[in-house]
């Protein structure tokens, strides 16, 4: 049961490369969708060239996706597509700017339209700015020149605006940020100790060795002191001579964000919590090789430890299998 959908997501080289990697996708082809816009009317030429499209005549760089509807649903195809775009951007994706790089979902069957509408409604809930993905019936699809077809397969080092590593990380997400809202600073000022506030809100660093969790070996989970968002587990904690709690990896790689830190005449990578935007510490490349080689050096004052025996009653029972 093959079904077809047309997706515009910026430069079609990367969009095609990503879509053809999805299990259930039968074939892909790149081309130019919609038609020329002249005096607010749309004409459908028999053919166009890449150079004409780059001139802003109204076509969108688009990928034809044929998929096996028994293996993957249209809603799943659209979720995969969402990983590859900034849906709030108009006429731009990555470094590519122009009307041909707009985002769009073009359908060939009326039964697809409500599925697309439901997807966009759900997607809008993830953004504060309006979604700019256009949804239209497919008026025209002109196959692009041969050298554009499977371009990144033929040219592995070619330009691609899609960050495949970032998408892989996003797909590992299972902790929902909305479940752990950040209190305002006034509440944090009252609920945190002076040291906890200084570390999480003012980027201070607690003293090594003389902190709460440096040598803690009990089984349990470590959560953000400001929001309760789960960050690390005892399973990934290891003893380090640095004097602060050390972890090989976060529980969910999306809950810990990384930033360049050039303070103190050093080049380091700061880590902050996702939901609370709390300063946690830094990550280094000198961790145990057998654990992946990373060392998340975290301030105890940025964490709250919940022992395994208390996780269920504290509302963290769903994370017990990760210990």
C-alpha atoms as a PDB file:
ATOM      1  CA  UNK A   1       0.000   0.000   0.000  1.00  0.00           C
ATOM      2  CA  UNK A   2       2.165   2.810  -1.266  1.00  0.00           C
ATOM      3  CA  UNK A   3       1.281   6.418  -0.478  1.00  0.00           C
ATOM      4  CA  UNK A   4       2.911   9.660  -1.618  1.00  0.00           C
ATOM      5  CA  UNK A   5       3.534  13.038   0.004  1.00  0.00           C
ATOM      6  CA  UNK A   6       5.583  16.054  -1.101  1.00  0.00           C
ATOM      7  CA  UNK A   7       7.768  17.859   1.453  1.00  0.00           C
ATOM      8  CA  UNK A   8       9.585  21.186   1.113  1.00  0.00           C
ATOM      9  CA  UNK A   9      12.142  21.752   3.831  1.00  0.00           C
ATOM     10  CA  UNK A  10      14.894  24.020   2.533  1.00  0.00           C
ATOM     11  CA  UNK A  11      17.649  22.664   0.297  1.00  0.00           C
ATOM     12  CA  UNK A  12      16.244  19.442  -1.117  1.00  0.00           C
ATOM     13  CA  UNK A  13      19.611  17.669  -1.030  1.00  0.00           C
ATOM     14  CA  UNK A  14      19.495  17.249   2.738  1.00  0.00           C
ATOM     15  CA  UNK A  15      15.754  16.667   2.958  1.00  0.00           C
ATOM     16  CA  UNK A  16      15.975  13.818   0.479  1.00  0.00           C
ATOM     17  CA  UNK A  17      18.982  12.277   2.240  1.00  0.00           C
ATOM     18  CA  UNK A  18      17.159  12.288   5.542  1.00  0.00           C
ATOM     19  CA  UNK A  19      13.812  11.031   4.259  1.00  0.00           C
ATOM     20  CA  UNK A  20      15.313   8.141   2.316  1.00  0.00           C
ATOM     21  CA  UNK A  21      16.940   6.899   5.541  1.00  0.00           C
ATOM     22  CA  UNK A  22      13.560   6.315   7.228  1.00  0.00           C
ATOM     23  CA  UNK A  23      12.346   2.755   7.475  1.00  0.00           C
ATOM     24  CA  UNK A  24       9.209   2.406   5.376  1.00  0.00           C
ATOM     25  CA  UNK A  25      10.170   4.980   2.749  1.00  0.00           C
ATOM     26  CA  UNK A  26      10.178   3.243  -0.620  1.00  0.00           C
ATOM     27  CA  UNK A  27      11.675   5.938  -2.851  1.00  0.00           C
ATOM     28  CA  UNK A  28      12.447   9.647  -3.050  1.00  0.00           C
ATOM     29  CA  UNK A  29      12.881  12.141  -5.855  1.00  0.00           C
ATOM     30  CA  UNK A  30      13.692  15.857  -5.761  1.00  0.00           C
ATOM     31  CA  UNK A  31      11.989  18.511  -7.820  1.00  0.00           C
ATOM     32  CA  UNK A  32      10.173  21.823  -7.950  1.00  0.00           C
ATOM     33  CA  UNK A  33       6.628  22.068  -6.586  1.00  0.00           C
ATOM     34  CA  UNK A  34       3.708  24.453  -7.148  1.00  0.00           C
ATOM     35  CA  UNK A  35       4.156  26.919 -10.003  1.00  0.00           C
ATOM     36  CA  UNK A  36       5.200  30.338 -11.254  1.00  0.00           C
ATOM     37  CA  UNK A  37       3.581  33.299  -9.566  1.00  0.00           C
ATOM     38  CA  UNK A  38       2.846  36.187 -11.932  1.00  0.00           C
ATOM     39  CA  UNK A  39       0.465  39.040 -11.074  1.00  0.00           C
ATOM     40  CA  UNK A  40      -0.950  36.959  -8.207  1.00  0.00           C
ATOM     41  CA  UNK A  41      -1.828  34.153 -10.590  1.00  0.00           C
ATOM     42  CA  UNK A  42      -0.169  30.763 -10.685  1.00  0.00           C
ATOM     43  CA  UNK A  43       0.881  29.290 -14.007  1.00  0.00           C
ATOM     44  CA  UNK A  44       2.123  25.747 -14.476  1.00  0.00           C
ATOM     45  CA  UNK A  45       5.047  25.620 -16.909  1.00  0.00           C
ATOM     46  CA  UNK A  46       5.991  22.310 -18.483  1.00  0.00           C
ATOM     47  CA  UNK A  47       9.535  22.627 -17.239  1.00  0.00           C
ATOM     48  CA  UNK A  48      11.771  24.903 -15.181  1.00  0.00           C
ATOM     49  CA  UNK A  49      15.477  24.972 -14.457  1.00  0.00           C
ATOM     50  CA  UNK A  50      17.301  25.228 -11.147  1.00  0.00           C
ATOM     51  CA  UNK A  51      18.535  28.678 -12.163  1.00  0.00           C
ATOM     52  CA  UNK A  52      14.971  29.866 -12.787  1.00  0.00           C
ATOM     53  CA  UNK A  53      13.804  28.524  -9.440  1.00  0.00           C
ATOM     54  CA  UNK A  54      16.670  30.323  -7.685  1.00  0.00           C
ATOM     55  CA  UNK A  55      15.399  33.480  -9.348  1.00  0.00           C
ATOM     56  CA  UNK A  56      12.333  33.363  -7.136  1.00  0.00           C
ATOM     57  CA  UNK A  57       9.639  32.408  -9.645  1.00  0.00           C
ATOM     58  CA  UNK A  58       7.545  30.698  -6.965  1.00  0.00           C
ATOM     59  CA  UNK A  59       8.519  27.041  -7.016  1.00  0.00           C
ATOM     60  CA  UNK A  60       9.719  25.336  -3.834  1.00  0.00           C
ATOM     61  CA  UNK A  61      12.554  22.829  -3.643  1.00  0.00           C
ATOM     62  CA  UNK A  62      10.571  19.722  -2.752  1.00  0.00           C
ATOM     63  CA  UNK A  63      11.072  16.020  -2.156  1.00  0.00           C
ATOM     64  CA  UNK A  64       8.628  13.432  -3.410  1.00  0.00           C
ATOM     65  CA  UNK A  65       8.342  10.743  -0.733  1.00  0.00           C
ATOM     66  CA  UNK A  66       6.743   7.425  -1.576  1.00  0.00           C
ATOM     67  CA  UNK A  67       6.230   5.277   1.501  1.00  0.00           C
ATOM     68  CA  UNK A  68       4.717   1.944   2.490  1.00  0.00           C
ATOM     69  CA  UNK A  69       1.614   2.876   4.488  1.00  0.00           C
ATOM     70  CA  UNK A  70       1.608  -0.588   6.101  1.00  0.00           C
ATOM     71  CA  UNK A  71       5.047   0.091   7.625  1.00  0.00           C
ATOM     72  CA  UNK A  72       4.820   3.789   8.462  1.00  0.00           C
ATOM     73  CA  UNK A  73       1.895   6.191   8.747  1.00  0.00           C
ATOM     74  CA  UNK A  74       1.757   9.649   7.200  1.00  0.00           C
ATOM     75  CA  UNK A  75       1.710  11.191  10.688  1.00  0.00           C
ATOM     76  CA  UNK A  76       5.036   9.477  11.415  1.00  0.00           C
ATOM     77  CA  UNK A  77       6.518  10.701   8.137  1.00  0.00           C
ATOM     78  CA  UNK A  78       5.526  14.246   9.114  1.00  0.00           C
ATOM     79  CA  UNK A  79       7.103  13.908  12.565  1.00  0.00           C
ATOM     80  CA  UNK A  80      10.348  12.845  10.914  1.00  0.00           C
ATOM     81  CA  UNK A  81      10.080  15.828   8.569  1.00  0.00           C
ATOM     82  CA  UNK A  82       9.649  18.160  11.576  1.00  0.00           C
ATOM     83  CA  UNK A  83      13.071  17.132  12.888  1.00  0.00           C
ATOM     84  CA  UNK A  84      14.687  18.611   9.756  1.00  0.00           C
ATOM     85  CA  UNK A  85      13.174  22.110   9.725  1.00  0.00           C
ATOM     86  CA  UNK A  86      12.696  25.298  11.676  1.00  0.00           C
ATOM     87  CA  UNK A  87       8.925  25.500  11.153  1.00  0.00           C
ATOM     88  CA  UNK A  88       8.752  29.127  12.340  1.00  0.00           C
ATOM     89  CA  UNK A  89      11.105  30.418   9.652  1.00  0.00           C
ATOM     90  CA  UNK A  90       9.678  32.008   6.490  1.00  0.00           C
ATOM     91  CA  UNK A  91      11.691  31.588   3.301  1.00  0.00           C
ATOM     92  CA  UNK A  92      14.783  30.364   5.087  1.00  0.00           C
ATOM     93  CA  UNK A  93      16.266  27.119   6.342  1.00  0.00           C
ATOM     94  CA  UNK A  94      19.815  27.078   7.658  1.00  0.00           C
ATOM     95  CA  UNK A  95      21.981  29.332   5.523  1.00  0.00           C
ATOM     96  CA  UNK A  96      19.629  29.103   2.537  1.00  0.00           C
ATOM     97  CA  UNK A  97      17.429  32.150   1.974  1.00  0.00           C
ATOM     98  CA  UNK A  98      14.764  32.573  -0.695  1.00  0.00           C
ATOM     99  CA  UNK A  99      11.222  31.661  -1.621  1.00  0.00           C
ATOM    100  CA  UNK A 100      12.387  28.310  -3.002  1.00  0.00           C
ATOM    101  CA  UNK A 101      13.604  27.339   0.484  1.00  0.00           C
ATOM    102  CA  UNK A 102      10.261  27.792   2.244  1.00  0.00           C
ATOM    103  CA  UNK A 103       8.678  24.915   4.124  1.00  0.00           C
ATOM    104  CA  UNK A 104       5.571  23.203   2.820  1.00  0.00           C
ATOM    105  CA  UNK A 105       3.570  20.003   2.826  1.00  0.00           C
ATOM    106  CA  UNK A 106       1.788  19.285  -0.452  1.00  0.00           C
ATOM    107  CA  UNK A 107      -0.775  16.519  -0.652  1.00  0.00           C
ATOM    108  CA  UNK A 108      -2.370  14.578  -3.494  1.00  0.00           C
ATOM    109  CA  UNK A 109      -5.354  13.090  -1.630  1.00  0.00           C
ATOM    110  CA  UNK A 110      -8.024  14.932   0.338  1.00  0.00           C
ATOM    111  CA  UNK A 111      -7.798  12.320   3.078  1.00  0.00           C
ATOM    112  CA  UNK A 112      -4.261  13.516   3.834  1.00  0.00           C
ATOM    113  CA  UNK A 113      -5.305  17.094   4.605  1.00  0.00           C
ATOM    114  CA  UNK A 114      -6.836  16.465   8.087  1.00  0.00           C
ATOM    115  CA  UNK A 115      -3.800  14.395   9.081  1.00  0.00           C
ATOM    116  CA  UNK A 116      -1.517  17.269   8.065  1.00  0.00           C
ATOM    117  CA  UNK A 117      -3.723  19.810   9.885  1.00  0.00           C
ATOM    118  CA  UNK A 118      -3.640  17.750  13.091  1.00  0.00           C
ATOM    119  CA  UNK A 119       0.143  17.429  12.834  1.00  0.00           C
ATOM    120  CA  UNK A 120       0.634  21.181  12.421  1.00  0.00           C
ATOM    121  CA  UNK A 121      -1.703  21.918  15.320  1.00  0.00           C
ATOM    122  CA  UNK A 122       0.332  19.632  17.563  1.00  0.00           C
ATOM    123  CA  UNK A 123       3.594  21.106  16.268  1.00  0.00           C
ATOM    124  CA  UNK A 124       2.414  24.640  17.061  1.00  0.00           C
ATOM    125  CA  UNK A 125       2.150  23.690  20.739  1.00  0.00           C
ATOM    126  CA  UNK A 126       5.937  23.309  20.830  1.00  0.00           C
ATOM    127  CA  UNK A 127       6.641  26.879  19.653  1.00  0.00           C
ATOM    128  CA  UNK A 128       5.857  30.395  20.841  1.00  0.00           C
ATOM    129  CA  UNK A 129       6.089  31.819  17.317  1.00  0.00           C
ATOM    130  CA  UNK A 130       3.585  30.914  14.583  1.00  0.00           C
ATOM    131  CA  UNK A 131       4.222  27.905  12.361  1.00  0.00           C
ATOM    132  CA  UNK A 132       5.035  28.982   8.800  1.00  0.00           C
ATOM    133  CA  UNK A 133       4.688  25.619   7.027  1.00  0.00           C
ATOM    134  CA  UNK A 134       2.294  26.034   4.112  1.00  0.00           C
ATOM    135  CA  UNK A 135      -0.198  23.280   3.340  1.00  0.00           C
ATOM    136  CA  UNK A 136      -1.632  23.013  -0.159  1.00  0.00           C
ATOM    137  CA  UNK A 137      -2.786  20.418  -2.651  1.00  0.00           C
ATOM    138  CA  UNK A 138       0.024  19.632  -5.065  1.00  0.00           C
ATOM    139  CA  UNK A 139      -0.473  21.735  -8.184  1.00  0.00           C
ATOM    140  CA  UNK A 140       2.668  20.672  -9.949  1.00  0.00           C
ATOM    141  CA  UNK A 141       5.893  18.739  -9.412  1.00  0.00           C
ATOM    142  CA  UNK A 142       8.680  19.046 -11.961  1.00  0.00           C
ATOM    143  CA  UNK A 143      11.551  16.624 -11.517  1.00  0.00           C
ATOM    144  CA  UNK A 144      14.863  18.392 -10.891  1.00  0.00           C
ATOM    145  CA  UNK A 145      17.961  17.911 -13.014  1.00  0.00           C
ATOM    146  CA  UNK A 146      19.792  14.570 -12.773  1.00  0.00           C
ATOM    147  CA  UNK A 147      22.726  15.965 -10.817  1.00  0.00           C
ATOM    148  CA  UNK A 148      20.379  16.971  -7.982  1.00  0.00           C
ATOM    149  CA  UNK A 149      18.970  13.459  -7.582  1.00  0.00           C
ATOM    150  CA  UNK A 150      20.545  11.616  -4.611  1.00  0.00           C
ATOM    151  CA  UNK A 151      23.090  14.438  -4.519  1.00  0.00           C
ATOM    152  CA  UNK A 152      24.493  13.697  -1.052  1.00  0.00           C
ATOM    153  CA  UNK A 153      24.795  10.005  -1.837  1.00  0.00           C
ATOM    154  CA  UNK A 154      26.928  10.874  -4.844  1.00  0.00           C
ATOM    155  CA  UNK A 155      28.708  13.685  -2.964  1.00  0.00           C
ATOM    156  CA  UNK A 156      29.020  12.615   0.708  1.00  0.00           C
ATOM    157  CA  UNK A 157      30.859  15.800   1.653  1.00  0.00           C
ATOM    158  CA  UNK A 158      28.393  18.070  -0.118  1.00  0.00           C
ATOM    159  CA  UNK A 159      26.509  20.883   1.574  1.00  0.00           C
ATOM    160  CA  UNK A 160      23.674  19.860   3.892  1.00  0.00           C
ATOM    161  CA  UNK A 161      21.686  22.181   6.157  1.00  0.00           C
ATOM    162  CA  UNK A 162      20.362  19.332   8.306  1.00  0.00           C
ATOM    163  CA  UNK A 163      22.188  18.391  11.521  1.00  0.00           C
ATOM    164  CA  UNK A 164      21.856  14.605  11.572  1.00  0.00           C
ATOM    165  CA  UNK A 165      23.698  14.253  14.912  1.00  0.00           C
ATOM    166  CA  UNK A 166      21.340  16.742  16.568  1.00  0.00           C
ATOM    167  CA  UNK A 167      18.313  14.853  15.264  1.00  0.00           C
ATOM    168  CA  UNK A 168      19.688  11.563  16.588  1.00  0.00           C
ATOM    169  CA  UNK A 169      20.011  13.204  20.007  1.00  0.00           C
ATOM    170  CA  UNK A 170      16.483  14.608  19.857  1.00  0.00           C
ATOM    171  CA  UNK A 171      15.118  11.152  19.108  1.00  0.00           C
ATOM    172  CA  UNK A 172      16.562   9.874  22.373  1.00  0.00           C
ATOM    173  CA  UNK A 173      14.383  12.288  24.341  1.00  0.00           C
ATOM    174  CA  UNK A 174      11.889  10.708  26.731  1.00  0.00           C
ATOM    175  CA  UNK A 175      11.716  13.279  29.554  1.00  0.00           C
ATOM    176  CA  UNK A 176       9.141  15.976  28.838  1.00  0.00           C
ATOM    177  CA  UNK A 177      10.261  19.520  29.635  1.00  0.00           C
ATOM    178  CA  UNK A 178       6.689  20.714  30.232  1.00  0.00           C
ATOM    179  CA  UNK A 179       6.457  18.404  33.262  1.00  0.00           C
ATOM    180  CA  UNK A 180       9.128  20.424  35.076  1.00  0.00           C
ATOM    181  CA  UNK A 181       8.328  24.159  34.838  1.00  0.00           C
ATOM    182  CA  UNK A 182      10.834  26.680  36.140  1.00  0.00           C
ATOM    183  CA  UNK A 183       9.756  28.776  39.169  1.00  0.00           C
ATOM    184  CA  UNK A 184      10.437  32.508  39.024  1.00  0.00           C
ATOM    185  CA  UNK A 185      13.568  33.854  40.677  1.00  0.00           C
ATOM    186  CA  UNK A 186      11.654  35.166  43.668  1.00  0.00           C
ATOM    187  CA  UNK A 187      10.473  31.679  44.554  1.00  0.00           C
ATOM    188  CA  UNK A 188      13.934  30.241  43.942  1.00  0.00           C
ATOM    189  CA  UNK A 189      15.456  32.863  46.218  1.00  0.00           C
ATOM    190  CA  UNK A 190      13.224  31.683  49.037  1.00  0.00           C
ATOM    191  CA  UNK A 191      13.368  27.931  48.409  1.00  0.00           C
ATOM    192  CA  UNK A 192      17.098  27.504  47.726  1.00  0.00           C
ATOM    193  CA  UNK A 193      19.982  27.870  50.134  1.00  0.00           C
ATOM    194  CA  UNK A 194      22.327  30.799  49.446  1.00  0.00           C
ATOM    195  CA  UNK A 195      24.880  28.373  47.960  1.00  0.00           C
ATOM    196  CA  UNK A 196      22.312  26.630  45.753  1.00  0.00           C
ATOM    197  CA  UNK A 197      21.080  29.967  44.456  1.00  0.00           C
ATOM    198  CA  UNK A 198      24.600  31.270  43.822  1.00  0.00           C
ATOM    199  CA  UNK A 199      25.593  28.151  41.896  1.00  0.00           C
ATOM    200  CA  UNK A 200      22.444  27.684  39.793  1.00  0.00           C
ATOM    201  CA  UNK A 201      21.529  31.339  39.159  1.00  0.00           C
ATOM    202  CA  UNK A 202      24.852  33.184  39.376  1.00  0.00           C
ATOM    203  CA  UNK A 203      27.254  30.571  37.913  1.00  0.00           C
ATOM    204  CA  UNK A 204      29.243  30.192  41.112  1.00  0.00           C
ATOM    205  CA  UNK A 205      31.216  27.033  41.929  1.00  0.00           C
ATOM    206  CA  UNK A 206      31.080  25.256  45.253  1.00  0.00           C
ATOM    207  CA  UNK A 207      34.214  24.038  47.025  1.00  0.00           C
ATOM    208  CA  UNK A 208      35.611  20.678  45.861  1.00  0.00           C
ATOM    209  CA  UNK A 209      35.548  17.686  48.219  1.00  0.00           C
ATOM    210  CA  UNK A 210      33.424  19.554  50.789  1.00  0.00           C
ATOM    211  CA  UNK A 211      30.090  19.167  49.026  1.00  0.00           C
ATOM    212  CA  UNK A 212      27.081  16.930  49.537  1.00  0.00           C
ATOM    213  CA  UNK A 213      27.259  14.313  46.792  1.00  0.00           C
ATOM    214  CA  UNK A 214      30.934  14.028  45.904  1.00  0.00           C
ATOM    215  CA  UNK A 215      31.278  10.568  47.444  1.00  0.00           C
ATOM    216  CA  UNK A 216      27.645   9.455  47.404  1.00  0.00           C
ATOM    217  CA  UNK A 217      27.459   5.858  46.183  1.00  0.00           C
ATOM    218  CA  UNK A 218      23.862   5.002  47.020  1.00  0.00           C
ATOM    219  CA  UNK A 219      21.537   4.012  44.185  1.00  0.00           C
ATOM    220  CA  UNK A 220      19.156   6.739  43.076  1.00  0.00           C
ATOM    221  CA  UNK A 221      18.463   9.634  40.749  1.00  0.00           C
ATOM    222  CA  UNK A 222      19.859  13.171  40.640  1.00  0.00           C
ATOM    223  CA  UNK A 223      17.421  15.915  39.641  1.00  0.00           C
ATOM    224  CA  UNK A 224      17.665  19.644  38.978  1.00  0.00           C
ATOM    225  CA  UNK A 225      17.356  21.405  42.354  1.00  0.00           C
ATOM    226  CA  UNK A 226      15.350  24.204  40.714  1.00  0.00           C
ATOM    227  CA  UNK A 227      12.710  22.215  38.787  1.00  0.00           C
ATOM    228  CA  UNK A 228      13.004  18.552  39.713  1.00  0.00           C
ATOM    229  CA  UNK A 229      13.813  17.579  36.118  1.00  0.00           C
ATOM    230  CA  UNK A 230      15.751  14.259  36.122  1.00  0.00           C
ATOM    231  CA  UNK A 231      19.367  14.753  35.048  1.00  0.00           C
ATOM    232  CA  UNK A 232      21.660  11.898  36.117  1.00  0.00           C
ATOM    233  CA  UNK A 233      21.520   8.485  37.802  1.00  0.00           C
ATOM    234  CA  UNK A 234      23.793   6.611  40.168  1.00  0.00           C
ATOM    235  CA  UNK A 235      24.373   4.040  37.411  1.00  0.00           C
ATOM    236  CA  UNK A 236      26.403   6.583  35.430  1.00  0.00           C
ATOM    237  CA  UNK A 237      28.199   8.123  38.442  1.00  0.00           C
ATOM    238  CA  UNK A 238      31.850   7.330  38.980  1.00  0.00           C
ATOM    239  CA  UNK A 239      34.492   8.338  41.503  1.00  0.00           C
ATOM    240  CA  UNK A 240      36.688  11.176  40.300  1.00  0.00           C
ATOM    241  CA  UNK A 241      39.611  12.926  41.926  1.00  0.00           C
ATOM    242  CA  UNK A 242      38.180  16.301  40.904  1.00  0.00           C
ATOM    243  CA  UNK A 243      36.247  16.694  44.157  1.00  0.00           C
ATOM    244  CA  UNK A 244      32.774  17.081  42.618  1.00  0.00           C
ATOM    245  CA  UNK A 245      30.158  14.517  41.560  1.00  0.00           C
ATOM    246  CA  UNK A 246      31.141  13.018  38.202  1.00  0.00           C
ATOM    247  CA  UNK A 247      28.838  11.345  35.693  1.00  0.00           C
ATOM    248  CA  UNK A 248      29.562   9.591  32.404  1.00  0.00           C
ATOM    249  CA  UNK A 249      26.366  10.825  30.739  1.00  0.00           C
ATOM    250  CA  UNK A 250      22.970  12.399  31.432  1.00  0.00           C
ATOM    251  CA  UNK A 251      19.878  10.236  31.835  1.00  0.00           C
ATOM    252  CA  UNK A 252      18.333  11.957  28.785  1.00  0.00           C
ATOM    253  CA  UNK A 253      20.903  13.790  26.613  1.00  0.00           C
ATOM    254  CA  UNK A 254      18.375  16.535  25.874  1.00  0.00           C
ATOM    255  CA  UNK A 255      17.953  17.649  29.493  1.00  0.00           C
ATOM    256  CA  UNK A 256      21.555  18.925  29.747  1.00  0.00           C
ATOM    257  CA  UNK A 257      22.540  21.779  27.428  1.00  0.00           C
ATOM    258  CA  UNK A 258      26.104  22.762  26.509  1.00  0.00           C
ATOM    259  CA  UNK A 259      27.571  26.243  26.066  1.00  0.00           C
ATOM    260  CA  UNK A 260      31.047  27.643  25.409  1.00  0.00           C
ATOM    261  CA  UNK A 261      32.613  29.064  28.567  1.00  0.00           C
ATOM    262  CA  UNK A 262      35.615  31.367  28.096  1.00  0.00           C
ATOM    263  CA  UNK A 263      35.735  32.671  31.667  1.00  0.00           C
ATOM    264  CA  UNK A 264      38.822  32.522  33.909  1.00  0.00           C
ATOM    265  CA  UNK A 265      41.105  32.544  30.845  1.00  0.00           C
ATOM    266  CA  UNK A 266      40.084  28.982  29.992  1.00  0.00           C
ATOM    267  CA  UNK A 267      38.169  27.283  27.206  1.00  0.00           C
ATOM    268  CA  UNK A 268      35.562  25.014  28.761  1.00  0.00           C
ATOM    269  CA  UNK A 269      32.105  23.648  28.013  1.00  0.00           C
ATOM    270  CA  UNK A 270      29.498  24.701  30.527  1.00  0.00           C
ATOM    271  CA  UNK A 271      26.454  22.508  31.128  1.00  0.00           C
ATOM    272  CA  UNK A 272      23.066  23.869  32.196  1.00  0.00           C
ATOM    273  CA  UNK A 273      19.743  22.209  32.880  1.00  0.00           C
ATOM    274  CA  UNK A 274      17.197  22.410  30.074  1.00  0.00           C
ATOM    275  CA  UNK A 275      14.031  23.332  31.929  1.00  0.00           C
ATOM    276  CA  UNK A 276      15.494  25.405  34.761  1.00  0.00           C
ATOM    277  CA  UNK A 277      18.427  26.907  32.806  1.00  0.00           C
ATOM    278  CA  UNK A 278      20.414  26.307  35.988  1.00  0.00           C
ATOM    279  CA  UNK A 279      24.201  26.288  35.927  1.00  0.00           C
ATOM    280  CA  UNK A 280      25.286  22.727  36.697  1.00  0.00           C
ATOM    281  CA  UNK A 281      29.013  22.613  36.033  1.00  0.00           C
ATOM    282  CA  UNK A 282      31.162  21.592  33.064  1.00  0.00           C
ATOM    283  CA  UNK A 283      31.808  18.583  30.841  1.00  0.00           C
ATOM    284  CA  UNK A 284      35.317  17.365  30.012  1.00  0.00           C
ATOM    285  CA  UNK A 285      36.836  14.723  27.721  1.00  0.00           C
ATOM    286  CA  UNK A 286      38.880  12.992  30.425  1.00  0.00           C
ATOM    287  CA  UNK A 287      36.309  10.514  31.691  1.00  0.00           C
ATOM    288  CA  UNK A 288      36.743   6.725  31.761  1.00  0.00           C
ATOM    289  CA  UNK A 289      37.147   5.349  28.249  1.00  0.00           C
ATOM    290  CA  UNK A 290      34.980   2.339  29.014  1.00  0.00           C
ATOM    291  CA  UNK A 291      32.118   4.697  29.944  1.00  0.00           C
ATOM    292  CA  UNK A 292      32.388   6.830  26.822  1.00  0.00           C
ATOM    293  CA  UNK A 293      35.229   9.181  27.733  1.00  0.00           C
ATOM    294  CA  UNK A 294      33.192  12.098  29.144  1.00  0.00           C
ATOM    295  CA  UNK A 295      33.170  13.540  32.645  1.00  0.00           C
ATOM    296  CA  UNK A 296      30.210  15.662  33.625  1.00  0.00           C
ATOM    297  CA  UNK A 297      31.636  17.554  36.585  1.00  0.00           C
ATOM    298  CA  UNK A 298      28.564  18.801  38.455  1.00  0.00           C
ATOM    299  CA  UNK A 299      28.051  20.975  41.529  1.00  0.00           C
ATOM    300  CA  UNK A 300      26.245  19.141  44.317  1.00  0.00           C
ATOM    301  CA  UNK A 301      24.433  22.398  45.050  1.00  0.00           C
ATOM    302  CA  UNK A 302      22.732  22.192  41.638  1.00  0.00           C
ATOM    303  CA  UNK A 303      21.324  18.740  42.381  1.00  0.00           C
ATOM    304  CA  UNK A 304      18.830  16.985  44.582  1.00  0.00           C
ATOM    305  CA  UNK A 305      19.471  13.283  45.183  1.00  0.00           C
ATOM    306  CA  UNK A 306      16.522  10.934  45.549  1.00  0.00           C
ATOM    307  CA  UNK A 307      17.444   7.464  46.869  1.00  0.00           C
ATOM    308  CA  UNK A 308      16.092   4.492  44.948  1.00  0.00           C
ATOM    309  CA  UNK A 309      13.867   3.448  47.839  1.00  0.00           C
ATOM    310  CA  UNK A 310      12.147   6.864  47.784  1.00  0.00           C
ATOM    311  CA  UNK A 311      11.782   7.354  44.034  1.00  0.00           C
ATOM    312  CA  UNK A 312       8.306   5.871  43.773  1.00  0.00           C
ATOM    313  CA  UNK A 313       6.800   8.053  46.501  1.00  0.00           C
ATOM    314  CA  UNK A 314       8.621  11.126  45.160  1.00  0.00           C
ATOM    315  CA  UNK A 315       7.025  10.657  41.731  1.00  0.00           C
ATOM    316  CA  UNK A 316      10.067   9.253  39.916  1.00  0.00           C
ATOM    317  CA  UNK A 317       9.037   5.598  39.808  1.00  0.00           C
ATOM    318  CA  UNK A 318       9.039   5.538  35.994  1.00  0.00           C
ATOM    319  CA  UNK A 319      12.825   6.015  36.052  1.00  0.00           C
ATOM    320  CA  UNK A 320      13.592   3.001  38.269  1.00  0.00           C
ATOM    321  CA  UNK A 321      14.413   0.779  35.235  1.00  0.00           C
ATOM    322  CA  UNK A 322      17.305   3.124  34.384  1.00  0.00           C
ATOM    323  CA  UNK A 323      19.188   2.379  37.603  1.00  0.00           C
END
